[in-house]
Amino acid sequence: MYIHVEYISEEGLEKLKEELNRLKTEERKAIAERLESAKALGDLSENAEYAEAKDAQSLNEVRVQELEEMIRNIIVINPKGTDKVQVGSTVVLDHGGKEETYTIVGSEEASPANGKISNESPLGKAFLGKKKGDTVEIKTPGGAVAYTIREIR
């Protein structure tokens, strides 16, 4: 059996736990109410409201199971005290004279538009284990792109 380990920040873990709690309490209750309302309409065999509520229930339970599994296999990251880039590190880069800042996170927290890149992405993988001053070259369809690590936080 394959177990996927997810790296995540303490903040990210709290968000997952909050989502799980919301799905198990508020969402389950709302779906149960929708099911009861739909049952009151009569014949369940051709009851679109009932079918939609059952679908919502199935999707909710699948997400609950996903979150429970994910939380069981999470490694909380704490990058303090290292001179090498690792999951959880924030890197300040020089990219063609322009400064860019990214935080290396697990795939569940990745949000490139918000400066959070996955440790599994080509860019994230390339930075892992590198030190301040190292230059990393990433091959892209448009050609190679170079980044120099200016700072690791």
C-alpha atoms as a PDB file:
ATOM      1  CA  MET A   1       0.000   0.000   0.000  1.00  0.00           C
ATOM      2  CA  TYR A   2       1.347   3.422  -1.018  1.00  0.00           C
ATOM      3  CA  ILE A   3       1.152   6.191   1.582  1.00  0.00           C
ATOM      4  CA  HIS A   4       1.550   9.736   0.305  1.00  0.00           C
ATOM      5  CA  VAL A   5       3.299  11.992   2.802  1.00  0.00           C
ATOM      6  CA  GLU A   6       2.346  15.656   2.615  1.00  0.00           C
ATOM      7  CA  TYR A   7       4.548  18.458   3.925  1.00  0.00           C
ATOM      8  CA  ILE A   8       2.600  21.351   5.374  1.00  0.00           C
ATOM      9  CA  SER A   9       3.018  24.344   7.647  1.00  0.00           C
ATOM     10  CA  GLU A  10       1.374  24.570  11.060  1.00  0.00           C
ATOM     11  CA  GLU A  11      -0.982  27.176   9.557  1.00  0.00           C
ATOM     12  CA  GLY A  12      -1.842  24.857   6.672  1.00  0.00           C
ATOM     13  CA  LEU A  13      -2.553  21.988   9.063  1.00  0.00           C
ATOM     14  CA  GLU A  14      -4.915  24.198  11.066  1.00  0.00           C
ATOM     15  CA  LYS A  15      -6.790  25.137   7.878  1.00  0.00           C
ATOM     16  CA  LEU A  16      -7.209  21.456   6.983  1.00  0.00           C
ATOM     17  CA  LYS A  17      -8.476  20.657  10.482  1.00  0.00           C
ATOM     18  CA  GLU A  18     -10.931  23.569  10.294  1.00  0.00           C
ATOM     19  CA  GLU A  19     -12.211  22.358   6.926  1.00  0.00           C
ATOM     20  CA  LEU A  20     -12.583  18.810   8.260  1.00  0.00           C
ATOM     21  CA  ASN A  21     -14.476  20.040  11.308  1.00  0.00           C
ATOM     22  CA  ARG A  22     -16.782  22.184   9.140  1.00  0.00           C
ATOM     23  CA  LEU A  23     -17.523  19.268   6.798  1.00  0.00           C
ATOM     24  CA  LYS A  24     -18.236  16.887   9.687  1.00  0.00           C
ATOM     25  CA  THR A  25     -20.498  19.296  11.559  1.00  0.00           C
ATOM     26  CA  GLU A  26     -22.075  22.130   9.564  1.00  0.00           C
ATOM     27  CA  GLU A  27     -22.005  20.495   6.137  1.00  0.00           C
ATOM     28  CA  ARG A  28     -23.298  17.101   7.298  1.00  0.00           C
ATOM     29  CA  LYS A  29     -26.129  18.831   9.169  1.00  0.00           C
ATOM     30  CA  ALA A  30     -27.077  20.975   6.152  1.00  0.00           C
ATOM     31  CA  ILE A  31     -27.066  17.928   3.867  1.00  0.00           C
ATOM     32  CA  ALA A  32     -29.184  15.928   6.322  1.00  0.00           C
ATOM     33  CA  GLU A  33     -31.727  18.770   6.342  1.00  0.00           C
ATOM     34  CA  ARG A  34     -31.755  18.823   2.526  1.00  0.00           C
ATOM     35  CA  LEU A  35     -32.332  15.054   2.474  1.00  0.00           C
ATOM     36  CA  GLU A  36     -35.247  15.324   4.916  1.00  0.00           C
ATOM     37  CA  SER A  37     -36.822  18.148   2.880  1.00  0.00           C
ATOM     38  CA  ALA A  38     -36.461  16.149  -0.314  1.00  0.00           C
ATOM     39  CA  LYS A  39     -37.947  13.018   1.292  1.00  0.00           C
ATOM     40  CA  ALA A  40     -40.991  15.042   2.288  1.00  0.00           C
ATOM     41  CA  LEU A  41     -41.670  15.715  -1.390  1.00  0.00           C
ATOM     42  CA  GLY A  42     -42.652  12.090  -1.909  1.00  0.00           C
ATOM     43  CA  ASP A  43     -41.500   9.578  -4.518  1.00  0.00           C
ATOM     44  CA  LEU A  44     -37.709   9.291  -4.252  1.00  0.00           C
ATOM     45  CA  SER A  45     -37.257   7.529  -7.596  1.00  0.00           C
ATOM     46  CA  GLU A  46     -37.818  10.730  -9.595  1.00  0.00           C
ATOM     47  CA  ASN A  47     -36.917  13.291  -6.960  1.00  0.00           C
ATOM     48  CA  ALA A  48     -34.171  15.588  -8.311  1.00  0.00           C
ATOM     49  CA  GLU A  49     -33.734  17.377  -4.972  1.00  0.00           C
ATOM     50  CA  TYR A  50     -33.139  14.070  -3.217  1.00  0.00           C
ATOM     51  CA  ALA A  51     -30.645  12.918  -5.879  1.00  0.00           C
ATOM     52  CA  GLU A  52     -28.747  16.219  -5.611  1.00  0.00           C
ATOM     53  CA  ALA A  53     -28.625  15.983  -1.813  1.00  0.00           C
ATOM     54  CA  LYS A  54     -27.353  12.375  -2.015  1.00  0.00           C
ATOM     55  CA  ASP A  55     -24.651  13.506  -4.472  1.00  0.00           C
ATOM     56  CA  ALA A  56     -23.655  16.327  -2.118  1.00  0.00           C
ATOM     57  CA  GLN A  57     -23.526  13.828   0.741  1.00  0.00           C
ATOM     58  CA  SER A  58     -21.256  11.507  -1.252  1.00  0.00           C
ATOM     59  CA  LEU A  59     -18.898  14.328  -2.236  1.00  0.00           C
ATOM     60  CA  ASN A  60     -18.773  15.581   1.347  1.00  0.00           C
ATOM     61  CA  GLU A  61     -17.914  12.132   2.696  1.00  0.00           C
ATOM     62  CA  VAL A  62     -15.208  11.612   0.069  1.00  0.00           C
ATOM     63  CA  ARG A  63     -13.610  14.930   1.064  1.00  0.00           C
ATOM     64  CA  VAL A  64     -13.855  14.001   4.775  1.00  0.00           C
ATOM     65  CA  GLN A  65     -12.011  10.744   4.051  1.00  0.00           C
ATOM     66  CA  GLU A  66      -9.378  12.566   1.957  1.00  0.00           C
ATOM     67  CA  LEU A  67      -8.742  15.088   4.726  1.00  0.00           C
ATOM     68  CA  GLU A  68      -8.566  12.430   7.449  1.00  0.00           C
ATOM     69  CA  GLU A  69      -6.045  10.435   5.401  1.00  0.00           C
ATOM     70  CA  MET A  70      -4.032  13.531   4.582  1.00  0.00           C
ATOM     71  CA  ILE A  71      -3.911  14.676   8.222  1.00  0.00           C
ATOM     72  CA  ARG A  72      -2.735  11.200   9.296  1.00  0.00           C
ATOM     73  CA  ASN A  73       0.194  11.404   6.870  1.00  0.00           C
ATOM     74  CA  ILE A  74       1.238  15.024   7.317  1.00  0.00           C
ATOM     75  CA  ILE A  75       4.694  16.131   8.312  1.00  0.00           C
ATOM     76  CA  VAL A  76       4.559  19.629   9.796  1.00  0.00           C
ATOM     77  CA  ILE A  77       7.433  21.707   8.489  1.00  0.00           C
ATOM     78  CA  ASN A  78       9.613  23.970  10.597  1.00  0.00           C
ATOM     79  CA  PRO A  79      12.509  25.330   8.535  1.00  0.00           C
ATOM     80  CA  LYS A  80      14.198  27.461  11.182  1.00  0.00           C
ATOM     81  CA  GLY A  81      17.946  27.267  11.660  1.00  0.00           C
ATOM     82  CA  THR A  82      19.153  26.000   8.315  1.00  0.00           C
ATOM     83  CA  ASP A  83      21.369  27.459   5.629  1.00  0.00           C
ATOM     84  CA  LYS A  84      19.861  25.232   2.934  1.00  0.00           C
ATOM     85  CA  VAL A  85      16.524  25.577   1.188  1.00  0.00           C
ATOM     86  CA  GLN A  86      13.994  23.053   2.431  1.00  0.00           C
ATOM     87  CA  VAL A  87      10.232  22.715   2.549  1.00  0.00           C
ATOM     88  CA  GLY A  88       9.018  25.697   4.560  1.00  0.00           C
ATOM     89  CA  SER A  89      11.898  27.976   3.561  1.00  0.00           C
ATOM     90  CA  THR A  90      11.229  31.386   2.082  1.00  0.00           C
ATOM     91  CA  VAL A  91      13.740  32.249  -0.621  1.00  0.00           C
ATOM     92  CA  VAL A  92      14.546  35.687  -1.974  1.00  0.00           C
ATOM     93  CA  LEU A  93      15.786  35.354  -5.539  1.00  0.00           C
ATOM     94  CA  ASP A  94      17.442  37.461  -8.183  1.00  0.00           C
ATOM     95  CA  HIS A  95      15.860  36.706 -11.531  1.00  0.00           C
ATOM     96  CA  GLY A  96      17.423  38.822 -14.266  1.00  0.00           C
ATOM     97  CA  GLY A  97      17.912  41.786 -11.927  1.00  0.00           C
ATOM     98  CA  LYS A  98      14.384  41.482 -10.548  1.00  0.00           C
ATOM     99  CA  GLU A  99      13.775  40.312  -6.972  1.00  0.00           C
ATOM    100  CA  GLU A 100      11.237  37.530  -6.416  1.00  0.00           C
ATOM    101  CA  THR A 101      10.250  35.869  -3.150  1.00  0.00           C
ATOM    102  CA  TYR A 102       8.766  32.383  -2.810  1.00  0.00           C
ATOM    103  CA  THR A 103       7.981  30.054   0.048  1.00  0.00           C
ATOM    104  CA  ILE A 104       8.519  26.352  -0.638  1.00  0.00           C
ATOM    105  CA  VAL A 105       5.455  24.465   0.620  1.00  0.00           C
ATOM    106  CA  GLY A 106       3.804  21.060   0.254  1.00  0.00           C
ATOM    107  CA  SER A 107       1.513  20.616  -2.744  1.00  0.00           C
ATOM    108  CA  GLU A 108      -1.653  21.066  -0.655  1.00  0.00           C
ATOM    109  CA  GLU A 109      -0.643  24.649   0.249  1.00  0.00           C
ATOM    110  CA  ALA A 110       0.796  25.664  -3.129  1.00  0.00           C
ATOM    111  CA  SER A 111      -0.483  28.947  -4.517  1.00  0.00           C
ATOM    112  CA  PRO A 112       1.982  30.425  -7.025  1.00  0.00           C
ATOM    113  CA  ALA A 113      -0.037  33.649  -7.316  1.00  0.00           C
ATOM    114  CA  ASN A 114       0.535  34.117  -3.572  1.00  0.00           C
ATOM    115  CA  GLY A 115       4.239  33.276  -3.696  1.00  0.00           C
ATOM    116  CA  LYS A 116       3.851  29.692  -2.434  1.00  0.00           C
ATOM    117  CA  ILE A 117       5.368  27.052  -4.709  1.00  0.00           C
ATOM    118  CA  SER A 118       5.165  23.306  -4.267  1.00  0.00           C
ATOM    119  CA  ASN A 119       8.209  21.278  -3.321  1.00  0.00           C
ATOM    120  CA  GLU A 120       7.061  18.919  -6.097  1.00  0.00           C
ATOM    121  CA  SER A 121       7.086  21.610  -8.824  1.00  0.00           C
ATOM    122  CA  PRO A 122      10.116  21.925 -11.117  1.00  0.00           C
ATOM    123  CA  LEU A 123      11.015  25.283  -9.537  1.00  0.00           C
ATOM    124  CA  GLY A 124      10.514  24.046  -5.976  1.00  0.00           C
ATOM    125  CA  LYS A 125      12.514  20.856  -6.607  1.00  0.00           C
ATOM    126  CA  ALA A 126      15.374  22.851  -8.114  1.00  0.00           C
ATOM    127  CA  PHE A 127      15.763  25.021  -4.994  1.00  0.00           C
ATOM    128  CA  LEU A 128      15.696  22.207  -2.417  1.00  0.00           C
ATOM    129  CA  GLY A 129      19.095  21.709  -0.785  1.00  0.00           C
ATOM    130  CA  LYS A 130      20.617  24.836  -2.345  1.00  0.00           C
ATOM    131  CA  LYS A 131      22.406  27.574  -0.361  1.00  0.00           C
ATOM    132  CA  LYS A 132      22.547  31.355  -0.405  1.00  0.00           C
ATOM    133  CA  GLY A 133      24.507  32.474  -3.465  1.00  0.00           C
ATOM    134  CA  ASP A 134      23.722  29.358  -5.507  1.00  0.00           C
ATOM    135  CA  THR A 135      22.364  29.878  -9.002  1.00  0.00           C
ATOM    136  CA  VAL A 136      19.692  27.491 -10.180  1.00  0.00           C
ATOM    137  CA  GLU A 137      18.856  27.036 -13.845  1.00  0.00           C
ATOM    138  CA  ILE A 138      15.384  25.841 -14.765  1.00  0.00           C
ATOM    139  CA  LYS A 139      14.702  24.457 -18.233  1.00  0.00           C
ATOM    140  CA  THR A 140      11.424  25.725 -19.656  1.00  0.00           C
ATOM    141  CA  PRO A 141       9.826  25.354 -23.096  1.00  0.00           C
ATOM    142  CA  GLY A 142      10.987  28.927 -23.782  1.00  0.00           C
ATOM    143  CA  GLY A 143      14.587  28.180 -22.777  1.00  0.00           C
ATOM    144  CA  ALA A 144      16.633  28.098 -19.591  1.00  0.00           C
ATOM    145  CA  VAL A 145      15.813  30.547 -16.791  1.00  0.00           C
ATOM    146  CA  ALA A 146      18.358  31.347 -14.057  1.00  0.00           C
ATOM    147  CA  TYR A 147      17.616  32.288 -10.442  1.00  0.00           C
ATOM    148  CA  THR A 148      20.243  33.261  -7.863  1.00  0.00           C
ATOM    149  CA  ILE A 149      19.381  32.687  -4.207  1.00  0.00           C
ATOM    150  CA  ARG A 150      19.955  35.962  -2.326  1.00  0.00           C
ATOM    151  CA  GLU A 151      18.457  35.007   1.024  1.00  0.00           C
ATOM    152  CA  ILE A 152      16.933  32.024   2.815  1.00  0.00           C
ATOM    153  CA  ARG A 153      14.486  32.660   5.648  1.00  0.00           C
END
